[in-house]
Protein backbone atom coordinates (compact mmCIF):
# COMPACT_ATOMS: atom_id res chain seq x y z
CA THR A 1 -2.76 14.35 12.55
CA GLY A 2 -3.93 12.22 9.65
CA ILE A 3 -2.95 9.08 11.55
CA ASN A 4 -5.21 9.99 14.47
CA GLN A 5 -8.08 10.70 12.07
CA LEU A 6 -7.65 7.24 10.56
CA LYS A 7 -7.61 5.63 14.00
CA ASP A 8 -10.90 7.33 14.87
CA ARG A 9 -12.72 6.24 11.70
CA ALA A 10 -14.75 3.06 11.82
CA GLY A 11 -14.48 0.45 9.09
CA PRO A 12 -11.74 -0.60 6.71
CA LYS A 13 -9.18 1.89 5.47
CA TYR A 14 -7.09 1.35 2.33
CA LEU A 15 -3.83 2.94 1.33
CA ILE A 16 -3.16 2.00 -2.28
CA ALA A 17 0.13 3.39 -3.53
CA LEU A 18 1.60 3.39 -7.03
CA THR A 19 5.30 4.12 -7.42
CA ASP A 20 8.15 3.75 -9.87
CA GLY A 21 10.28 3.26 -6.76
CA ASP A 22 12.37 6.36 -7.32
CA ASP A 23 11.29 9.09 -4.91
CA ASN A 24 12.96 12.15 -6.36
CA MET A 25 10.27 14.79 -5.77
CA SER A 26 8.92 14.23 -2.26
CA ARG A 27 9.99 16.84 0.23
CA SER A 28 7.74 15.89 3.13
CA GLN A 29 8.62 12.20 3.26
CA PRO A 30 11.48 11.26 0.97
CA GLN A 31 11.92 7.85 2.59
CA GLY A 32 8.25 6.97 3.06
CA GLN A 33 8.11 8.14 6.66
CA LEU A 34 4.35 8.74 6.59
CA VAL A 35 3.69 5.22 5.34
CA THR A 36 6.01 3.83 8.01
CA GLU A 37 4.17 5.88 10.63
CA ALA A 38 0.80 4.60 9.42
CA VAL A 39 1.98 1.00 9.42
CA ARG A 40 3.43 1.25 12.93
CA ALA A 41 0.42 3.09 14.36
CA ALA A 42 -1.67 -0.08 14.54
CA ILE A 43 -4.64 1.64 12.94
CA PRO A 44 -7.68 -0.66 13.17
CA ASP A 45 -8.70 -2.15 9.81
CA PHE A 46 -5.75 -0.49 8.00
CA ASN A 47 -4.92 -2.15 4.68
CA LEU A 48 -1.89 -1.42 2.49
CA ILE A 49 -1.43 -2.34 -1.16
CA VAL A 50 1.65 -1.07 -2.99
CA ILE A 51 2.13 -1.37 -6.74
CA THR A 52 5.50 -0.73 -8.31
CA VAL A 53 5.88 -0.18 -12.03
CA GLY A 54 9.02 -0.60 -14.06
CA SER A 55 12.02 -2.85 -14.05
CA ASP A 56 14.36 -0.36 -12.37
CA VAL A 57 12.83 -0.50 -8.88
CA LYS A 58 15.70 -0.82 -6.44
CA PRO A 59 15.81 -4.05 -4.41
CA LEU A 60 16.11 -2.04 -1.18
CA MET A 61 12.86 -0.22 -2.03
CA ILE A 62 11.08 -3.52 -2.68
CA GLU A 63 12.44 -4.92 0.59
CA GLY A 64 11.04 -1.91 2.50
CA ILE A 65 7.66 -2.20 0.79
CA LYS A 66 7.48 -5.91 1.57
CA CYS A 67 8.35 -5.17 5.19
CA TRP A 68 5.48 -2.66 5.46
CA CYS A 69 3.11 -5.17 3.87
CA SER A 70 4.26 -7.95 6.18
CA ILE A 71 3.61 -5.82 9.26
CA VAL A 72 0.11 -4.92 8.06
CA LYS A 73 -0.64 -8.52 7.10
CA SER A 74 0.46 -9.72 10.55
CA THR A 75 -2.44 -7.72 12.01
CA GLY A 76 -4.94 -9.72 9.96
CA ASN A 77 -5.42 -7.02 7.34
CA ILE A 78 -4.42 -6.81 3.69
CA GLY A 79 -0.74 -6.11 3.19
CA SER A 80 0.22 -6.73 -0.41
CA TYR A 81 2.99 -5.85 -2.84
CA ILE A 82 2.34 -6.09 -6.59
CA GLY A 83 5.10 -5.54 -9.12
CA ALA A 84 4.23 -4.52 -12.67
CA ALA A 85 7.18 -4.85 -15.04
CA ASN A 86 5.89 -2.01 -17.24
CA PRO A 87 2.90 0.33 -17.58
CA ALA A 88 1.04 -2.26 -19.67
CA GLY A 89 0.87 -4.43 -16.54
CA LEU A 90 -0.98 -1.81 -14.49
CA GLY A 91 -4.41 -2.99 -15.64
CA ASP A 92 -3.73 -6.44 -14.22
CA ALA A 93 -2.25 -4.93 -11.05
CA PHE A 94 -5.31 -2.80 -10.38
CA ALA A 95 -7.59 -5.75 -11.20
CA ALA A 96 -5.75 -7.69 -8.49
CA VAL A 97 -6.29 -4.77 -6.09
CA ALA A 98 -10.02 -4.79 -6.87
CA GLU A 99 -10.16 -8.53 -6.22
CA MET A 100 -8.45 -8.13 -2.84
CA ILE A 101 -10.81 -5.37 -1.79
CA THR A 102 -13.83 -7.27 -3.06
CA ALA A 103 -12.80 -10.37 -1.15
CA ASP A 104 -12.25 -8.27 1.97
CA GLU A 105 -15.43 -6.24 1.68
CA GLY A 106 -17.69 -8.62 -0.16
CA HIS A 107 -18.35 -6.01 -2.85
CA ILE A 108 -17.21 -2.73 -4.33
CA GLU A 109 -19.66 0.13 -4.47
CA ASP A 110 -19.66 2.40 -7.52
């Protein structure tokens, strides 16, 4: 599976997700099961950054995202939730992502 492939890869791994918080099209994981599986799998050097956009993100969705991030962070890796109130805030959100990765890696390669 994809999880086993991630476990076998050396070095940091990043899952950066962007969502409006309303999963209405996913058939394979309508409740984020694959993310939950990745978080629980204790993948070495697994980092999770989730960005939500919009003001209509359900509190239960945010709570779940923060839980995932907390679990990842407890392993000493990056687990971060960033909320952007609207699409105009995405530039700042992705700049924050770049800063986190840069701080973790020391640099970003082009």
